[in-house]
PDB file of all heavy atoms in Angstrom:
ATOM      1  N   LEU A   1       0.807  -1.220   0.005  1.00  0.00           N
ATOM      2  CA  LEU A   1       0.001  -0.001  -0.004  1.00  0.00           C
ATOM      3  C   LEU A   1       0.846   1.270  -0.003  1.00  0.00           C
ATOM      4  O   LEU A   1       0.347   2.344  -0.310  1.00  0.00           O
ATOM      5  CB  LEU A   1      -0.927  -0.010   1.207  1.00  0.00           C
ATOM      6  CG  LEU A   1      -1.979  -1.124   1.228  1.00  0.00           C
ATOM      7  CD1 LEU A   1      -2.890  -0.973   2.450  1.00  0.00           C
ATOM      8  CD2 LEU A   1      -2.814  -1.117  -0.043  1.00  0.00           C
ATOM      9  N   ALA A   2       2.136   1.134   0.311  1.00  0.00           N
ATOM     10  CA  ALA A   2       3.021   2.310   0.294  1.00  0.00           C
ATOM     11  C   ALA A   2       3.182   2.849  -1.124  1.00  0.00           C
ATOM     12  O   ALA A   2       3.367   4.062  -1.309  1.00  0.00           O
ATOM     13  CB  ALA A   2       4.387   1.943   0.867  1.00  0.00           C
ATOM     14  N   PHE A   3       3.099   1.973  -2.128  1.00  0.00           N
ATOM     15  CA  PHE A   3       3.301   2.420  -3.515  1.00  0.00           C
ATOM     16  C   PHE A   3       2.171   3.324  -4.002  1.00  0.00           C
ATOM     17  O   PHE A   3       2.422   4.438  -4.469  1.00  0.00           O
ATOM     18  CB  PHE A   3       3.495   1.221  -4.438  1.00  0.00           C
ATOM     19  CG  PHE A   3       4.874   0.625  -4.363  1.00  0.00           C
ATOM     20  CD1 PHE A   3       5.171  -0.360  -3.442  1.00  0.00           C
ATOM     21  CD2 PHE A   3       5.878   1.075  -5.206  1.00  0.00           C
ATOM     22  CE1 PHE A   3       6.457  -0.900  -3.354  1.00  0.00           C
ATOM     23  CE2 PHE A   3       7.156   0.560  -5.143  1.00  0.00           C
ATOM     24  CZ  PHE A   3       7.451  -0.438  -4.200  1.00  0.00           C
ATOM     25  N   PRO A   4       0.898   2.905  -3.915  1.00  0.00           N
ATOM     26  CA  PRO A   4      -0.180   3.831  -4.317  1.00  0.00           C
ATOM     27  C   PRO A   4      -0.269   5.051  -3.402  1.00  0.00           C
ATOM     28  O   PRO A   4      -0.652   6.139  -3.846  1.00  0.00           O
ATOM     29  CB  PRO A   4      -1.450   2.983  -4.226  1.00  0.00           C
ATOM     30  CG  PRO A   4      -1.117   1.839  -3.357  1.00  0.00           C
ATOM     31  CD  PRO A   4       0.345   1.574  -3.573  1.00  0.00           C
ATOM     32  N   LEU A   5       0.109   4.880  -2.123  1.00  0.00           N
ATOM     33  CA  LEU A   5       0.102   6.014  -1.199  1.00  0.00           C
ATOM     34  C   LEU A   5       1.141   7.038  -1.615  1.00  0.00           C
ATOM     35  O   LEU A   5       0.875   8.256  -1.639  1.00  0.00           O
ATOM     36  CB  LEU A   5       0.358   5.525   0.222  1.00  0.00           C
ATOM     37  CG  LEU A   5       0.150   6.542   1.356  1.00  0.00           C
ATOM     38  CD1 LEU A   5      -1.298   6.998   1.397  1.00  0.00           C
ATOM     39  CD2 LEU A   5       0.556   5.921   2.691  1.00  0.00           C
ATOM     40  N   ALA A   6       2.329   6.574  -1.994  1.00  0.00           N
ATOM     41  CA  ALA A   6       3.389   7.478  -2.448  1.00  0.00           C
ATOM     42  C   ALA A   6       3.011   8.155  -3.754  1.00  0.00           C
ATOM     43  O   ALA A   6       3.286   9.345  -3.956  1.00  0.00           O
ATOM     44  CB  ALA A   6       4.698   6.692  -2.605  1.00  0.00           C
ATOM     45  N   TYR A   7       2.365   7.394  -4.627  1.00  0.00           N
ATOM     46  CA  TYR A   7       1.942   7.966  -5.915  1.00  0.00           C
ATOM     47  C   TYR A   7       0.907   9.076  -5.708  1.00  0.00           C
ATOM     48  O   TYR A   7       0.987  10.130  -6.316  1.00  0.00           O
ATOM     49  CB  TYR A   7       1.372   6.859  -6.805  1.00  0.00           C
ATOM     50  CG  TYR A   7       1.053   7.336  -8.214  1.00  0.00           C
ATOM     51  CD1 TYR A   7       2.000   7.302  -9.212  1.00  0.00           C
ATOM     52  CD2 TYR A   7      -0.215   7.825  -8.530  1.00  0.00           C
ATOM     53  CE1 TYR A   7       1.721   7.737 -10.501  1.00  0.00           C
ATOM     54  CE2 TYR A   7      -0.512   8.266  -9.816  1.00  0.00           C
ATOM     55  CZ  TYR A   7       0.451   8.211 -10.795  1.00  0.00           C
ATOM     56  OH  TYR A   7       0.172   8.661 -12.052  1.00  0.00           O
ATOM     57  N   GLY A   8      -0.059   8.805  -4.824  1.00  0.00           N
ATOM     58  CA  GLY A   8      -1.084   9.812  -4.537  1.00  0.00           C
ATOM     59  C   GLY A   8      -0.489  11.038  -3.863  1.00  0.00           C
ATOM     60  O   GLY A   8      -0.870  12.176  -4.173  1.00  0.00           O
ATOM     61  N   GLY A   9       0.465  10.816  -2.947  1.00  0.00           N
ATOM     62  CA  GLY A   9       1.111  11.941  -2.281  1.00  0.00           C
ATOM     63  C   GLY A   9       1.920  12.780  -3.241  1.00  0.00           C
ATOM     64  O   GLY A   9       1.930  14.016  -3.170  1.00  0.00           O
ATOM     65  N   ARG A  10       2.635  12.123  -4.170  1.00  0.00           N
ATOM     66  CA  ARG A  10       3.400  12.843  -5.194  1.00  0.00           C
ATOM     67  C   ARG A  10       2.477  13.695  -6.062  1.00  0.00           C
ATOM     68  O   ARG A  10       2.819  14.819  -6.432  1.00  0.00           O
ATOM     69  CB  ARG A  10       4.188  11.849  -6.052  1.00  0.00           C
ATOM     70  CG  ARG A  10       5.090  12.518  -7.096  1.00  0.00           C
ATOM     71  CD  ARG A  10       5.413  11.568  -8.218  1.00  0.00           C
ATOM     72  NE  ARG A  10       4.211  11.174  -8.956  1.00  0.00           N
ATOM     73  CZ  ARG A  10       3.706  11.869  -9.952  1.00  0.00           C
ATOM     74  NH1 ARG A  10       4.266  12.987 -10.347  1.00  0.00           N
ATOM     75  NH2 ARG A  10       2.616  11.448 -10.586  1.00  0.00           N
ATOM     76  N   ASP A  11       1.303  13.126  -6.386  1.00  0.00           N
ATOM     77  CA  ASP A  11       0.343  13.869  -7.205  1.00  0.00           C
ATOM     78  C   ASP A  11      -0.115  15.132  -6.498  1.00  0.00           C
ATOM     79  O   ASP A  11      -0.246  16.197  -7.120  1.00  0.00           O
ATOM     80  CB  ASP A  11      -0.852  12.969  -7.526  1.00  0.00           C
ATOM     81  CG  ASP A  11      -1.897  13.671  -8.389  1.00  0.00           C
ATOM     82  OD1 ASP A  11      -1.550  14.061  -9.537  1.00  0.00           O
ATOM     83  OD2 ASP A  11      -3.037  13.827  -7.945  1.00  0.00           O
ATOM     84  N   LEU A  12      -0.353  15.019  -5.191  1.00  0.00           N
ATOM     85  CA  LEU A  12      -0.777  16.199  -4.430  1.00  0.00           C
ATOM     86  C   LEU A  12       0.321  17.255  -4.380  1.00  0.00           C
ATOM     87  O   LEU A  12       0.071  18.444  -4.556  1.00  0.00           O
ATOM     88  CB  LEU A  12      -1.145  15.778  -2.997  1.00  0.00           C
ATOM     89  CG  LEU A  12      -2.528  15.177  -2.771  1.00  0.00           C
ATOM     90  CD1 LEU A  12      -2.672  14.736  -1.333  1.00  0.00           C
ATOM     91  CD2 LEU A  12      -3.619  16.175  -3.129  1.00  0.00           C
ATOM     92  N   LEU A  13       1.561  16.817  -4.158  1.00  0.00           N
ATOM     93  CA  LEU A  13       2.672  17.766  -4.047  1.00  0.00           C
ATOM     94  C   LEU A  13       2.983  18.427  -5.385  1.00  0.00           C
ATOM     95  O   LEU A  13       3.260  19.626  -5.441  1.00  0.00           O
ATOM     96  CB  LEU A  13       3.907  17.051  -3.509  1.00  0.00           C
ATOM     97  CG  LEU A  13       3.839  16.572  -2.059  1.00  0.00           C
ATOM     98  CD1 LEU A  13       5.082  15.770  -1.703  1.00  0.00           C
ATOM     99  CD2 LEU A  13       3.692  17.763  -1.124  1.00  0.00           C
ATOM    100  N   SER A  14       2.928  17.648  -6.457  1.00  0.00           N
ATOM    101  CA  SER A  14       3.282  18.187  -7.784  1.00  0.00           C
ATOM    102  C   SER A  14       2.222  19.163  -8.301  1.00  0.00           C
ATOM    103  O   SER A  14       2.521  20.089  -9.048  1.00  0.00           O
ATOM    104  CB  SER A  14       3.477  17.069  -8.802  1.00  0.00           C
ATOM    105  OG  SER A  14       2.270  16.335  -8.988  1.00  0.00           O
ATOM    106  N   SER A  15       0.948  18.934  -7.907  1.00  0.00           N
ATOM    107  CA  SER A  15      -0.118  19.830  -8.372  1.00  0.00           C
ATOM    108  C   SER A  15      -0.097  21.177  -7.658  1.00  0.00           C
ATOM    109  O   SER A  15      -0.603  22.172  -8.166  1.00  0.00           O
ATOM    110  CB  SER A  15      -1.488  19.159  -8.176  1.00  0.00           C
ATOM    111  OG  SER A  15      -1.777  18.998  -6.792  1.00  0.00           O
ATOM    112  N   GLY A  16       0.500  21.187  -6.454  1.00  0.00           N
ATOM    113  CA  GLY A  16       0.592  22.431  -5.701  1.00  0.00           C
ATOM    114  C   GLY A  16      -0.705  22.852  -5.033  1.00  0.00           C
ATOM    115  O   GLY A  16      -0.794  23.921  -4.460  1.00  0.00           O
ATOM    116  N   LYS A  17      -1.731  22.005  -5.124  1.00  0.00           N
ATOM    117  CA  LYS A  17      -2.996  22.328  -4.487  1.00  0.00           C
ATOM    118  C   LYS A  17      -3.696  21.029  -4.078  1.00  0.00           C
ATOM    119  O   LYS A  17      -3.395  19.960  -4.595  1.00  0.00           O
ATOM    120  CB  LYS A  17      -3.897  23.135  -5.415  1.00  0.00           C
ATOM    121  CG  LYS A  17      -4.218  22.459  -6.736  1.00  0.00           C
ATOM    122  CD  LYS A  17      -5.056  23.335  -7.636  1.00  0.00           C
ATOM    123  CE  LYS A  17      -5.357  22.654  -8.950  1.00  0.00           C
ATOM    124  NZ  LYS A  17      -6.172  23.487  -9.850  1.00  0.00           N
ATOM    125  N   VAL A  18      -4.638  21.155  -3.166  1.00  0.00           N
ATOM    126  CA  VAL A  18      -5.364  19.977  -2.673  1.00  0.00           C
ATOM    127  C   VAL A  18      -6.361  19.527  -3.722  1.00  0.00           C
ATOM    128  O   VAL A  18      -7.216  20.291  -4.156  1.00  0.00           O
ATOM    129  CB  VAL A  18      -6.084  20.292  -1.356  1.00  0.00           C
ATOM    130  CG1 VAL A  18      -6.903  19.091  -0.897  1.00  0.00           C
ATOM    131  CG2 VAL A  18      -5.079  20.694  -0.273  1.00  0.00           C
ATOM    132  N   ASN A  19      -6.211  18.284  -4.163  1.00  0.00           N
ATOM    133  CA  ASN A  19      -7.121  17.687  -5.129  1.00  0.00           C
ATOM    134  C   ASN A  19      -8.039  16.728  -4.398  1.00  0.00           C
ATOM    135  O   ASN A  19      -7.583  15.777  -3.779  1.00  0.00           O
ATOM    136  CB  ASN A  19      -6.326  16.946  -6.222  1.00  0.00           C
ATOM    137  CG  ASN A  19      -7.208  16.373  -7.301  1.00  0.00           C
ATOM    138  OD1 ASN A  19      -8.066  15.543  -7.037  1.00  0.00           O
ATOM    139  ND2 ASN A  19      -6.986  16.809  -8.525  1.00  0.00           N
ATOM    140  N   PHE A  20      -9.340  16.999  -4.461  1.00  0.00           N
ATOM    141  CA  PHE A  20     -10.313  16.201  -3.714  1.00  0.00           C
ATOM    142  C   PHE A  20     -10.216  14.726  -4.043  1.00  0.00           C
ATOM    143  O   PHE A  20     -10.232  13.884  -3.153  1.00  0.00           O
ATOM    144  CB  PHE A  20     -11.727  16.712  -4.009  1.00  0.00           C
ATOM    145  CG  PHE A  20     -12.821  15.872  -3.400  1.00  0.00           C
ATOM    146  CD1 PHE A  20     -13.086  15.945  -2.054  1.00  0.00           C
ATOM    147  CD2 PHE A  20     -13.564  15.007  -4.181  1.00  0.00           C
ATOM    148  CE1 PHE A  20     -14.098  15.177  -1.490  1.00  0.00           C
ATOM    149  CE2 PHE A  20     -14.553  14.224  -3.619  1.00  0.00           C
ATOM    150  CZ  PHE A  20     -14.825  14.308  -2.271  1.00  0.00           C
ATOM    151  N   PHE A  21     -10.049  14.400  -5.326  1.00  0.00           N
ATOM    152  CA  PHE A  21     -10.013  12.997  -5.737  1.00  0.00           C
ATOM    153  C   PHE A  21      -8.740  12.318  -5.256  1.00  0.00           C
ATOM    154  O   PHE A  21      -8.746  11.141  -4.872  1.00  0.00           O
ATOM    155  CB  PHE A  21     -10.150  12.887  -7.261  1.00  0.00           C
ATOM    156  CG  PHE A  21     -11.495  13.327  -7.759  1.00  0.00           C
ATOM    157  CD1 PHE A  21     -11.675  14.615  -8.291  1.00  0.00           C
ATOM    158  CD2 PHE A  21     -12.598  12.501  -7.680  1.00  0.00           C
ATOM    159  CE1 PHE A  21     -12.908  15.028  -8.744  1.00  0.00           C
ATOM    160  CE2 PHE A  21     -13.839  12.912  -8.128  1.00  0.00           C
ATOM    161  CZ  PHE A  21     -14.003  14.163  -8.651  1.00  0.00           C
ATOM    162  N   SER A  22      -7.612  13.053  -5.283  1.00  0.00           N
ATOM    163  CA  SER A  22      -6.353  12.488  -4.791  1.00  0.00           C
ATOM    164  C   SER A  22      -6.440  12.226  -3.291  1.00  0.00           C
ATOM    165  O   SER A  22      -5.987  11.179  -2.797  1.00  0.00           O
ATOM    166  CB  SER A  22      -5.192  13.422  -5.104  1.00  0.00           C
ATOM    167  OG  SER A  22      -4.998  13.549  -6.491  1.00  0.00           O
ATOM    168  N   VAL A  23      -7.011  13.177  -2.559  1.00  0.00           N
ATOM    169  CA  VAL A  23      -7.165  13.022  -1.121  1.00  0.00           C
ATOM    170  C   VAL A  23      -8.044  11.822  -0.812  1.00  0.00           C
ATOM    171  O   VAL A  23      -7.755  11.015   0.079  1.00  0.00           O
ATOM    172  CB  VAL A  23      -7.740  14.301  -0.493  1.00  0.00           C
ATOM    173  CG1 VAL A  23      -8.120  14.056   0.973  1.00  0.00           C
ATOM    174  CG2 VAL A  23      -6.761  15.447  -0.596  1.00  0.00           C
ATOM    175  N   LEU A  24      -9.120  11.683  -1.562  1.00  0.00           N
ATOM    176  CA  LEU A  24     -10.041  10.570  -1.346  1.00  0.00           C
ATOM    177  C   LEU A  24      -9.340   9.237  -1.634  1.00  0.00           C
ATOM    178  O   LEU A  24      -9.558   8.251  -0.928  1.00  0.00           O
ATOM    179  CB  LEU A  24     -11.265  10.718  -2.248  1.00  0.00           C
ATOM    180  CG  LEU A  24     -12.504   9.913  -1.851  1.00  0.00           C
ATOM    181  CD1 LEU A  24     -12.989  10.321  -0.465  1.00  0.00           C
ATOM    182  CD2 LEU A  24     -13.621  10.105  -2.859  1.00  0.00           C
ATOM    183  N   GLY A  25      -8.492   9.222  -2.662  1.00  0.00           N
ATOM    184  CA  GLY A  25      -7.743   8.005  -2.967  1.00  0.00           C
ATOM    185  C   GLY A  25      -6.795   7.627  -1.845  1.00  0.00           C
ATOM    186  O   GLY A  25      -6.676   6.447  -1.476  1.00  0.00           O
ATOM    187  N   ILE A  26      -6.131   8.619  -1.263  1.00  0.00           N
ATOM    188  CA  ILE A  26      -5.211   8.368  -0.149  1.00  0.00           C
ATOM    189  C   ILE A  26      -5.991   7.857   1.065  1.00  0.00           C
ATOM    190  O   ILE A  26      -5.572   6.911   1.742  1.00  0.00           O
ATOM    191  CB  ILE A  26      -4.433   9.660   0.195  1.00  0.00           C
ATOM    192  CG1 ILE A  26      -3.448   9.968  -0.931  1.00  0.00           C
ATOM    193  CG2 ILE A  26      -3.685   9.493   1.513  1.00  0.00           C
ATOM    194  CD1 ILE A  26      -2.732  11.298  -0.770  1.00  0.00           C
ATOM    195  N   VAL A  27      -7.142   8.476   1.347  1.00  0.00           N
ATOM    196  CA  VAL A  27      -7.979   8.031   2.465  1.00  0.00           C
ATOM    197  C   VAL A  27      -8.413   6.578   2.248  1.00  0.00           C
ATOM    198  O   VAL A  27      -8.410   5.761   3.184  1.00  0.00           O
ATOM    199  CB  VAL A  27      -9.206   8.955   2.614  1.00  0.00           C
ATOM    200  CG1 VAL A  27     -10.205   8.353   3.621  1.00  0.00           C
ATOM    201  CG2 VAL A  27      -8.772  10.342   3.072  1.00  0.00           C
ATOM    202  N   SER A  28      -8.780   6.234   1.008  1.00  0.00           N
ATOM    203  CA  SER A  28      -9.192   4.877   0.702  1.00  0.00           C
ATOM    204  C   SER A  28      -8.074   3.876   0.971  1.00  0.00           C
ATOM    205  O   SER A  28      -8.292   2.801   1.543  1.00  0.00           O
ATOM    206  CB  SER A  28      -9.635   4.791  -0.763  1.00  0.00           C
ATOM    207  OG  SER A  28      -9.966   3.464  -1.124  1.00  0.00           O
ATOM    208  N   ILE A  29      -6.850   4.230   0.576  1.00  0.00           N
ATOM    209  CA  ILE A  29      -5.697   3.359   0.795  1.00  0.00           C
ATOM    210  C   ILE A  29      -5.445   3.166   2.292  1.00  0.00           C
ATOM    211  O   ILE A  29      -5.211   2.047   2.759  1.00  0.00           O
ATOM    212  CB  ILE A  29      -4.455   3.937   0.105  1.00  0.00           C
ATOM    213  CG1 ILE A  29      -4.629   3.926  -1.422  1.00  0.00           C
ATOM    214  CG2 ILE A  29      -3.200   3.132   0.491  1.00  0.00           C
ATOM    215  CD1 ILE A  29      -3.622   4.785  -2.134  1.00  0.00           C
ATOM    216  N   LEU A  30      -5.505   4.273   3.036  1.00  0.00           N
ATOM    217  CA  LEU A  30      -5.273   4.204   4.476  1.00  0.00           C
ATOM    218  C   LEU A  30      -6.340   3.345   5.166  1.00  0.00           C
ATOM    219  O   LEU A  30      -6.037   2.578   6.099  1.00  0.00           O
ATOM    220  CB  LEU A  30      -5.250   5.610   5.078  1.00  0.00           C
ATOM    221  CG  LEU A  30      -4.061   6.478   4.664  1.00  0.00           C
ATOM    222  CD1 LEU A  30      -4.223   7.892   5.218  1.00  0.00           C
ATOM    223  CD2 LEU A  30      -2.749   5.872   5.169  1.00  0.00           C
ATOM    224  N   LEU A  31      -7.576   3.459   4.709  1.00  0.00           N
ATOM    225  CA  LEU A  31      -8.662   2.640   5.290  1.00  0.00           C
ATOM    226  C   LEU A  31      -8.437   1.152   5.003  1.00  0.00           C
ATOM    227  O   LEU A  31      -8.613   0.308   5.890  1.00  0.00           O
ATOM    228  CB  LEU A  31     -10.017   3.090   4.745  1.00  0.00           C
ATOM    229  CG  LEU A  31     -10.579   4.404   5.293  1.00  0.00           C
ATOM    230  CD1 LEU A  31     -11.835   4.796   4.541  1.00  0.00           C
ATOM    231  CD2 LEU A  31     -10.855   4.277   6.782  1.00  0.00           C
ATOM    232  N   THR A  32      -8.047   0.858   3.772  1.00  0.00           N
ATOM    233  CA  THR A  32      -7.768  -0.549   3.423  1.00  0.00           C
ATOM    234  C   THR A  32      -6.656  -1.096   4.301  1.00  0.00           C
ATOM    235  O   THR A  32      -6.735  -2.208   4.838  1.00  0.00           O
ATOM    236  CB  THR A  32      -7.369  -0.661   1.941  1.00  0.00           C
ATOM    237  OG1 THR A  32      -8.454  -0.249   1.119  1.00  0.00           O
ATOM    238  CG2 THR A  32      -7.012  -2.111   1.588  1.00  0.00           C
ATOM    239  N   GLY A  33      -5.566  -0.304   4.432  1.00  0.00           N
ATOM    240  CA  GLY A  33      -4.464  -0.729   5.271  1.00  0.00           C
ATOM    241  C   GLY A  33      -4.860  -0.887   6.723  1.00  0.00           C
ATOM    242  O   GLY A  33      -4.498  -1.880   7.382  1.00  0.00           O
ATOM    243  N   GLY A  34      -5.618   0.080   7.252  1.00  0.00           N
ATOM    244  CA  GLY A  34      -6.031   0.006   8.641  1.00  0.00           C
ATOM    245  C   GLY A  34      -6.915  -1.195   8.927  1.00  0.00           C
ATOM    246  O   GLY A  34      -6.710  -1.906   9.917  1.00  0.00           O
ATOM    247  N   ILE A  35      -7.892  -1.425   8.064  1.00  0.00           N
ATOM    248  CA  ILE A  35      -8.789  -2.572   8.244  1.00  0.00           C
ATOM    249  C   ILE A  35      -8.021  -3.884   8.179  1.00  0.00           C
ATOM    250  O   ILE A  35      -8.249  -4.806   8.979  1.00  0.00           O
ATOM    251  CB  ILE A  35      -9.913  -2.557   7.175  1.00  0.00           C
ATOM    252  CG1 ILE A  35     -10.826  -1.351   7.396  1.00  0.00           C
ATOM    253  CG2 ILE A  35     -10.717  -3.848   7.193  1.00  0.00           C
ATOM    254  CD1 ILE A  35     -11.801  -1.093   6.262  1.00  0.00           C
ATOM    255  N   SER A  36      -7.074  -3.968   7.241  1.00  0.00           N
ATOM    256  CA  SER A  36      -6.297  -5.214   7.073  1.00  0.00           C
ATOM    257  C   SER A  36      -5.350  -5.430   8.246  1.00  0.00           C
ATOM    258  O   SER A  36      -5.244  -6.552   8.784  1.00  0.00           O
ATOM    259  CB  SER A  36      -5.493  -5.144   5.768  1.00  0.00           C
ATOM    260  OG  SER A  36      -6.346  -4.967   4.661  1.00  0.00           O
ATOM    261  N   LEU A  37      -4.638  -4.380   8.659  1.00  0.00           N
ATOM    262  CA  LEU A  37      -3.649  -4.510   9.733  1.00  0.00           C
ATOM    263  C   LEU A  37      -4.312  -4.764  11.101  1.00  0.00           C
ATOM    264  O   LEU A  37      -3.717  -5.410  11.969  1.00  0.00           O
ATOM    265  CB  LEU A  37      -2.780  -3.272   9.791  1.00  0.00           C
ATOM    266  CG  LEU A  37      -1.870  -3.039   8.580  1.00  0.00           C
ATOM    267  CD1 LEU A  37      -1.144  -1.716   8.691  1.00  0.00           C
ATOM    268  CD2 LEU A  37      -0.869  -4.181   8.426  1.00  0.00           C
ATOM    269  N   LEU A  38      -5.528  -4.250  11.278  1.00  0.00           N
ATOM    270  CA  LEU A  38      -6.251  -4.475  12.520  1.00  0.00           C
ATOM    271  C   LEU A  38      -6.997  -5.814  12.513  1.00  0.00           C
ATOM    272  O   LEU A  38      -7.649  -6.164  13.494  1.00  0.00           O
ATOM    273  CB  LEU A  38      -7.244  -3.339  12.774  1.00  0.00           C
ATOM    274  CG  LEU A  38      -6.632  -1.975  13.119  1.00  0.00           C
ATOM    275  CD1 LEU A  38      -7.699  -0.902  13.174  1.00  0.00           C
ATOM    276  CD2 LEU A  38      -5.856  -2.046  14.443  1.00  0.00           C
ATOM    277  N   HIS A  39      -6.894  -6.524  11.388  1.00  0.00           N
ATOM    278  CA  HIS A  39      -7.534  -7.855  11.227  1.00  0.00           C
ATOM    279  C   HIS A  39      -9.041  -7.776  11.435  1.00  0.00           C
ATOM    280  O   HIS A  39      -9.649  -8.694  12.012  1.00  0.00           O
ATOM    281  CB  HIS A  39      -6.919  -8.873  12.189  1.00  0.00           C
ATOM    282  CG  HIS A  39      -5.462  -9.096  11.970  1.00  0.00           C
ATOM    283  ND1 HIS A  39      -4.684  -9.886  12.821  1.00  0.00           N
ATOM    284  CD2 HIS A  39      -4.622  -8.647  11.016  1.00  0.00           C
ATOM    285  CE1 HIS A  39      -3.443  -9.893  12.382  1.00  0.00           C
ATOM    286  NE2 HIS A  39      -3.385  -9.153  11.279  1.00  0.00           N
ATOM    287  N   LEU A  40      -9.637  -6.679  10.959  1.00  0.00           N
ATOM    288  CA  LEU A  40     -11.090  -6.557  11.036  1.00  0.00           C
ATOM    289  C   LEU A  40     -11.744  -7.420   9.976  1.00  0.00           C
ATOM    290  O   LEU A  40     -11.085  -7.841   9.011  1.00  0.00           O
ATOM    291  CB  LEU A  40     -11.506  -5.093  10.857  1.00  0.00           C
ATOM    292  CG  LEU A  40     -10.955  -4.104  11.879  1.00  0.00           C
ATOM    293  CD1 LEU A  40     -11.428  -2.694  11.557  1.00  0.00           C
ATOM    294  CD2 LEU A  40     -11.341  -4.491  13.310  1.00  0.00           C
ATOM    295  N   ASP A  41     -13.023  -7.674  10.137  1.00  0.00           N
ATOM    296  CA  ASP A  41     -13.747  -8.500   9.170  1.00  0.00           C
ATOM    297  C   ASP A  41     -13.657  -7.883   7.771  1.00  0.00           C
ATOM    298  O   ASP A  41     -13.738  -6.668   7.597  1.00  0.00           O
ATOM    299  CB  ASP A  41     -15.214  -8.593   9.582  1.00  0.00           C
ATOM    300  CG  ASP A  41     -15.944  -9.730   8.839  1.00  0.00           C
ATOM    301  OD1 ASP A  41     -16.060  -9.641   7.618  1.00  0.00           O
ATOM    302  OD2 ASP A  41     -16.387 -10.657   9.530  1.00  0.00           O
ATOM    303  N   ALA A  42     -13.484  -8.751   6.780  1.00  0.00           N
ATOM    304  CA  ALA A  42     -13.318  -8.298   5.399  1.00  0.00           C
ATOM    305  C   ALA A  42     -14.540  -7.566   4.886  1.00  0.00           C
ATOM    306  O   ALA A  42     -14.443  -6.841   3.882  1.00  0.00           O
ATOM    307  CB  ALA A  42     -13.004  -9.506   4.493  1.00  0.00           C
ATOM    308  N   LYS A  43     -15.689  -7.729   5.540  1.00  0.00           N
ATOM    309  CA  LYS A  43     -16.897  -7.036   5.066  1.00  0.00           C
ATOM    310  C   LYS A  43     -16.720  -5.534   5.137  1.00  0.00           C
ATOM    311  O   LYS A  43     -17.337  -4.789   4.369  1.00  0.00           O
ATOM    312  CB  LYS A  43     -18.107  -7.455   5.911  1.00  0.00           C
ATOM    313  CG  LYS A  43     -18.104  -6.964   7.350  1.00  0.00           C
ATOM    314  CD  LYS A  43     -19.343  -7.413   8.115  1.00  0.00           C
ATOM    315  CE  LYS A  43     -19.341  -6.900   9.539  1.00  0.00           C
ATOM    316  NZ  LYS A  43     -20.527  -7.390  10.286  1.00  0.00           N
TER     317      LYS A  43
END
């Protein structure tokens, strides 16, 4: 998950402004990682 997270972060930094879709993508990645690492139900 570090790879898509780094890609999304680079997109935010290179654009010079907050992109709603990029932020949402990063949040989605973090949620996937958090749910997986906490061993929560796959649902």
